[in-house]
Amino acid sequence: MKFLLLFIFISTTAQAYTLNNNFGATFKSRKVKVYVTSTTTCANAGLTPYELSDLVTPAIKNFWNTVPTSSLELVNGGILDVGSDTSYNSNLLCSFTDPTCTGSVIPAVKDIIIACNDNTTNFDSSNILAVTIPNNFKGRFINGSVILINDRNNSAFARLDQKKKISVIAHEIGHAIGLGHSGDKAALMFFETIGTRNYLGQDDIDGVSALYPVTFDGCGLFKGSIDHMKGPLPPKGKGPSEEYFWTLVSLGFLGSIGLSKLLKRLRKLA
C-alpha cells in the first residue's frame, strides 16, 4: 500500500513549465558548453566579459547541474575566440522560424554563446535584462543558442547584485536548453522577476528532466542518455516523456525499499 500511494503521488504531479519551441527540441549531446565571446563588450551591463564568464559557473553548478533525474551536463567553456567578429555586440538576434528578420544578424552558433548587446531592436527598453533564442537547429535538435545581456545605456542588468545576475543567467540558460516560461512562482523559469533565485524549483526540475531524461535500462539501473524575465506565458509544453515517468517510478520504488530497510534497522535499535 505504501508503494501504491508513492506511485500515485509521483504520476499526478502538476506541470507548469512550458517549452520555448513547439516540437520539444533539445540538444542532441547531453554535454553542452557555455561560452562568452571574446569580442563582447559589457561596460553598460556593469561587468567585464571575464566577470560575465565567471558568473556562468554558479549559474550552471548551482542550478541546472544539480538535477539527478536529468542527463544534461552543462560546462563553462570560458571565453570563445571569435577573431574580429563583433556581430554579437550589436546585430539582431533572429529566430530560425522568423523569415521577416533580415539585415545584420548574429550567425548560427554551436553550443550556448553569451554576449552583451546594445541593439535597440533586441532591447526596446533598458529594463529588459536579457534575451535568448536557439538560433541553430537540425531536425528536432538544437545545435546552438544565443544569450544576449542588455548592454544599452542605463541597462537594468547593471543595477543587479551578483546573486541576481547569476539567477538571470541561469534563467536564460533554461531558455537556451529548450524551456519556456513557467506559471509557478517558485520556479526559476517563472515569467516575472521575483527577488533572487538561489536554486531550481520543482517545476524547473520536472521540465529539464522531461527534456533530458535519465534512462532506465529495465534492470534496476539508471544510465544517462549518451523582455525574457517578464512577459506573457507561451503555450503550454508537453508533459514528461514516458521514459521519464518510468524513471521516477523506479526511483520511488528504490526509495521505498531503502526506507523500509531503514525502518527495520531503527526497530532493532529501539
Protein backbone atom coordinates (compact mmCIF):
# COMPACT_ATOMS: atom_id res chain seq x y z
CA MET A 1 0.00 0.00 0.00
CA LYS A 2 2.88 2.33 0.75
CA PHE A 3 4.23 1.70 -2.76
CA LEU A 4 0.85 2.43 -4.35
CA LEU A 5 0.49 5.78 -2.60
CA LEU A 6 4.02 6.79 -3.64
CA PHE A 7 3.37 5.94 -7.28
CA ILE A 8 0.12 7.91 -7.33
CA PHE A 9 1.86 10.98 -5.88
CA ILE A 10 4.64 10.90 -8.48
CA SER A 11 2.48 10.30 -11.52
CA THR A 12 -0.06 13.04 -10.78
CA THR A 13 2.35 15.91 -10.11
CA ALA A 14 1.08 19.03 -11.96
CA GLN A 15 3.27 20.58 -14.65
CA ALA A 16 3.51 24.35 -15.07
CA TYR A 17 6.62 24.55 -17.27
CA THR A 18 6.46 25.27 -20.98
CA LEU A 19 8.81 24.76 -23.93
CA ASN A 20 10.48 27.50 -25.97
CA ASN A 21 9.55 25.79 -29.24
CA ASN A 22 6.58 23.80 -30.50
CA PHE A 23 8.36 20.49 -31.09
CA GLY A 24 10.22 19.88 -27.85
CA ALA A 25 13.69 20.42 -29.31
CA THR A 26 16.73 19.64 -27.16
CA PHE A 27 20.48 19.47 -27.60
CA LYS A 28 21.39 16.08 -29.04
CA SER A 29 24.57 15.92 -26.99
CA ARG A 30 23.91 15.78 -23.27
CA LYS A 31 27.15 17.67 -22.61
CA VAL A 32 26.76 21.30 -23.68
CA LYS A 33 29.34 24.05 -23.29
CA VAL A 34 28.51 27.65 -22.39
CA TYR A 35 30.83 30.33 -23.80
CA VAL A 36 31.26 34.09 -23.62
CA THR A 37 32.50 35.65 -26.86
CA SER A 38 35.98 37.17 -26.90
CA THR A 39 34.91 40.41 -28.61
CA THR A 40 31.89 41.23 -26.48
CA THR A 41 31.80 44.48 -24.51
CA CYS A 42 29.74 44.64 -21.33
CA ALA A 43 30.51 48.09 -19.90
CA ASN A 44 26.86 49.21 -19.74
CA ALA A 45 25.86 45.86 -18.25
CA GLY A 46 28.15 46.56 -15.31
CA LEU A 47 30.82 43.91 -15.76
CA THR A 48 33.67 42.73 -17.98
CA PRO A 49 33.45 39.72 -20.32
CA TYR A 50 35.68 37.78 -17.90
CA GLU A 51 33.41 38.64 -14.98
CA LEU A 52 30.46 37.51 -17.09
CA SER A 53 32.22 34.21 -17.75
CA ASP A 54 32.84 33.80 -14.02
CA LEU A 55 29.08 34.07 -13.39
CA VAL A 56 28.40 31.16 -15.74
CA THR A 57 29.89 28.58 -13.37
CA PRO A 58 27.48 29.19 -10.44
CA ALA A 59 24.62 29.62 -12.94
CA ILE A 60 25.10 26.02 -14.08
CA LYS A 61 26.63 24.43 -10.97
CA ASN A 62 24.03 25.73 -8.51
CA PHE A 63 21.06 25.26 -10.82
CA TRP A 64 20.88 23.01 -13.89
CA ASN A 65 23.67 20.58 -12.96
CA THR A 66 22.02 19.77 -9.62
CA VAL A 67 19.22 17.61 -11.07
CA PRO A 68 19.83 13.85 -10.62
CA THR A 69 16.91 12.95 -12.90
CA SER A 70 18.40 14.91 -15.82
CA SER A 71 21.14 13.63 -18.12
CA LEU A 72 22.13 17.16 -19.18
CA GLU A 73 25.61 18.33 -18.18
CA LEU A 74 26.49 21.97 -18.74
CA VAL A 75 30.13 23.05 -18.82
CA ASN A 76 31.63 26.54 -18.62
CA GLY A 77 33.67 26.74 -21.82
CA GLY A 78 35.23 30.09 -20.84
CA ILE A 79 35.99 32.76 -23.42
CA LEU A 80 35.36 31.74 -27.03
CA ASP A 81 37.80 33.24 -29.53
CA VAL A 82 35.68 34.60 -32.38
CA GLY A 83 38.50 36.52 -34.04
CA SER A 84 37.42 40.01 -35.05
CA ASP A 85 33.71 39.13 -35.22
CA THR A 86 31.78 41.81 -33.30
CA SER A 87 28.35 40.87 -34.66
CA TYR A 88 27.27 39.57 -31.24
CA ASN A 89 27.65 43.08 -29.78
CA SER A 90 25.21 44.95 -31.99
CA ASN A 91 23.48 42.70 -34.55
CA LEU A 92 19.93 41.34 -34.47
CA LEU A 93 19.18 38.05 -32.76
CA CYS A 94 16.80 36.18 -35.05
CA SER A 95 14.82 33.02 -34.52
CA PHE A 96 15.17 30.43 -37.28
CA THR A 97 11.36 30.50 -37.54
CA ASP A 98 11.19 34.23 -38.32
CA PRO A 99 11.68 34.86 -42.09
CA THR A 100 10.99 38.58 -41.63
CA CYS A 101 14.13 39.09 -39.54
CA THR A 102 16.68 40.34 -42.03
CA GLY A 103 19.71 42.58 -42.08
CA SER A 104 22.76 42.36 -39.86
CA VAL A 105 22.03 39.26 -37.84
CA ILE A 106 24.00 37.12 -35.40
CA PRO A 107 25.15 33.94 -37.18
CA ALA A 108 24.01 30.45 -36.22
CA VAL A 109 26.10 29.10 -33.35
CA LYS A 110 27.05 25.81 -31.70
CA ASP A 111 26.54 25.09 -28.00
CA ILE A 112 25.46 28.15 -25.96
CA ILE A 113 27.01 31.56 -26.65
CA ILE A 114 26.64 34.54 -24.30
CA ALA A 115 27.40 38.13 -25.30
CA CYS A 116 26.43 41.67 -24.33
CA ASN A 117 24.39 43.50 -26.95
CA ASP A 118 23.11 47.07 -27.36
CA ASN A 119 20.79 46.66 -30.36
CA THR A 120 17.57 48.56 -29.67
CA THR A 121 15.52 46.05 -31.66
CA ASN A 122 16.69 43.25 -29.42
CA PHE A 123 16.19 45.51 -26.40
CA ASP A 124 13.47 48.11 -26.92
CA SER A 125 13.78 49.05 -23.25
CA SER A 126 16.68 49.37 -20.83
CA ASN A 127 14.56 47.40 -18.34
CA ILE A 128 14.79 44.18 -20.36
CA LEU A 129 17.54 42.14 -18.73
CA ALA A 130 18.37 39.62 -21.44
CA VAL A 131 17.02 37.76 -24.47
CA THR A 132 17.69 34.19 -25.56
CA ILE A 133 16.96 32.33 -28.78
CA PRO A 134 18.07 28.89 -30.01
CA ASN A 135 19.21 30.07 -33.46
CA ASN A 136 20.63 26.85 -34.88
CA PHE A 137 18.53 23.71 -35.35
CA LYS A 138 18.98 20.42 -37.16
CA GLY A 139 15.78 18.44 -37.34
CA ARG A 140 14.31 18.33 -33.85
CA PHE A 141 17.63 19.07 -32.19
CA ILE A 142 19.12 22.36 -31.02
CA ASN A 143 22.65 22.86 -32.32
CA GLY A 144 23.19 26.23 -30.68
CA SER A 145 21.57 29.02 -28.69
CA VAL A 146 22.48 32.68 -28.18
CA ILE A 147 22.02 34.56 -24.89
CA LEU A 148 22.31 38.34 -25.07
CA ILE A 149 22.72 40.51 -21.97
CA ASN A 150 21.30 44.04 -22.28
CA ASP A 151 24.24 46.40 -22.82
CA ARG A 152 22.24 49.53 -23.61
CA ASN A 153 22.77 52.77 -21.69
CA ASN A 154 21.14 52.52 -18.26
CA SER A 155 20.81 48.74 -18.60
CA ALA A 156 18.81 47.32 -15.70
CA PHE A 157 21.19 44.34 -15.64
CA ALA A 158 23.96 46.63 -14.33
CA ARG A 159 21.85 47.52 -11.29
CA LEU A 160 21.51 43.90 -10.14
CA ASP A 161 23.68 42.45 -7.41
CA GLN A 162 25.86 39.45 -8.19
CA LYS A 163 23.40 36.81 -6.98
CA LYS A 164 20.61 38.28 -9.12
CA LYS A 165 22.88 38.40 -12.15
CA ILE A 166 23.66 34.73 -11.65
CA SER A 167 19.97 33.82 -11.41
CA VAL A 168 19.21 35.83 -14.57
CA ILE A 169 21.94 33.98 -16.47
CA ALA A 170 20.64 30.66 -15.11
CA HIS A 171 17.12 31.62 -16.26
CA GLU A 172 18.38 32.43 -19.74
CA ILE A 173 20.32 29.15 -19.90
CA GLY A 174 16.98 27.47 -19.18
CA HIS A 175 15.62 29.05 -22.37
CA ALA A 176 18.77 28.09 -24.26
CA ILE A 177 18.33 24.39 -23.46
CA GLY A 178 14.69 24.33 -24.56
CA LEU A 179 12.50 25.52 -21.69
CA GLY A 180 9.97 28.32 -21.89
CA HIS A 181 8.43 30.26 -19.03
CA SER A 182 6.69 28.70 -16.05
CA GLY A 183 3.50 29.71 -14.29
CA ASP A 184 4.88 28.51 -10.95
CA LYS A 185 6.15 31.39 -8.80
CA ALA A 186 8.60 29.05 -7.09
CA ALA A 187 10.31 28.25 -10.40
CA LEU A 188 13.47 29.86 -11.74
CA MET A 189 11.69 29.93 -15.11
CA PHE A 190 8.72 31.94 -13.73
CA PHE A 191 7.77 34.58 -16.29
CA GLU A 192 8.36 37.57 -13.99
CA THR A 193 11.34 38.56 -11.88
CA ILE A 194 10.65 37.94 -8.20
CA GLY A 195 13.67 38.57 -6.00
CA THR A 196 16.75 36.39 -6.13
CA ARG A 197 16.60 32.72 -7.06
CA ASN A 198 19.23 30.56 -5.37
CA TYR A 199 18.10 27.15 -6.63
CA LEU A 200 15.69 25.45 -9.01
CA GLY A 201 12.04 24.97 -8.19
CA GLN A 202 10.35 21.60 -8.57
CA ASP A 203 8.77 22.73 -11.83
CA ASP A 204 12.21 23.56 -13.27
CA ILE A 205 13.41 20.09 -12.23
CA ASP A 206 10.39 18.47 -13.88
CA GLY A 207 10.96 20.45 -17.09
CA VAL A 208 14.67 19.72 -17.55
CA SER A 209 14.13 16.07 -16.58
CA ALA A 210 11.39 15.73 -19.19
CA LEU A 211 13.59 17.24 -21.91
CA TYR A 212 16.78 15.43 -20.86
CA PRO A 213 15.66 12.29 -19.01
CA VAL A 214 17.91 9.79 -17.33
CA THR A 215 17.01 6.46 -18.92
CA PHE A 216 16.08 3.26 -17.08
CA ASP A 217 17.55 0.06 -18.51
CA GLY A 218 14.85 -2.23 -17.08
CA CYS A 219 17.17 -3.99 -14.64
CA GLY A 220 17.02 -1.57 -11.73
CA LEU A 221 19.92 0.50 -13.04
CA PHE A 222 20.00 4.06 -14.33
CA LYS A 223 22.09 5.46 -17.13
CA GLY A 224 22.40 8.87 -18.75
CA SER A 225 21.40 9.31 -22.33
CA ILE A 226 24.86 9.33 -24.10
CA ASP A 227 11.62 41.05 -22.03
CA HIS A 228 12.73 37.46 -21.06
CA MET A 229 12.37 37.72 -17.33
CA LYS A 230 8.97 39.31 -17.76
CA GLY A 231 6.28 38.70 -20.35
CA PRO A 232 3.25 36.64 -21.36
CA LEU A 233 3.21 32.92 -20.79
CA PRO A 234 3.77 30.95 -24.03
CA PRO A 235 1.65 27.90 -24.99
CA LYS A 236 1.94 25.03 -22.53
CA GLY A 237 4.56 22.43 -23.41
CA LYS A 238 4.38 18.68 -23.34
CA GLY A 239 4.46 16.79 -20.08
CA PRO A 240 7.15 14.34 -19.03
CA SER A 241 8.15 11.69 -21.53
CA GLU A 242 7.22 8.06 -20.94
CA GLU A 243 10.81 7.10 -20.09
CA TYR A 244 10.99 9.99 -17.61
CA PHE A 245 7.81 8.71 -15.94
CA TRP A 246 9.25 5.23 -15.50
CA THR A 247 12.48 6.73 -14.21
CA LEU A 248 10.52 8.50 -11.48
CA VAL A 249 8.51 5.36 -10.70
CA SER A 250 11.67 3.30 -10.37
CA LEU A 251 13.27 6.00 -8.20
CA GLY A 252 10.24 5.89 -5.96
CA PHE A 253 10.38 2.10 -5.80
CA LEU A 254 14.05 2.04 -4.87
CA GLY A 255 13.50 4.83 -2.38
CA SER A 256 10.69 2.86 -0.74
CA ILE A 257 12.94 -0.18 -0.39
CA GLY A 258 15.61 1.97 1.25
CA LEU A 259 13.05 3.50 3.62
CA SER A 260 11.73 0.05 4.56
CA LYS A 261 15.25 -1.17 5.41
CA LEU A 262 15.89 1.97 7.47
CA LEU A 263 12.69 1.47 9.47
CA LYS A 264 13.58 -2.17 10.20
CA ARG A 265 17.01 -1.14 11.42
CA LEU A 266 15.54 1.53 13.69
CA ARG A 267 13.13 -1.02 15.19
CA LYS A 268 16.06 -3.30 16.04
CA LEU A 269 17.85 -0.44 17.78
CA ALA A 270 14.74 0.54 19.78
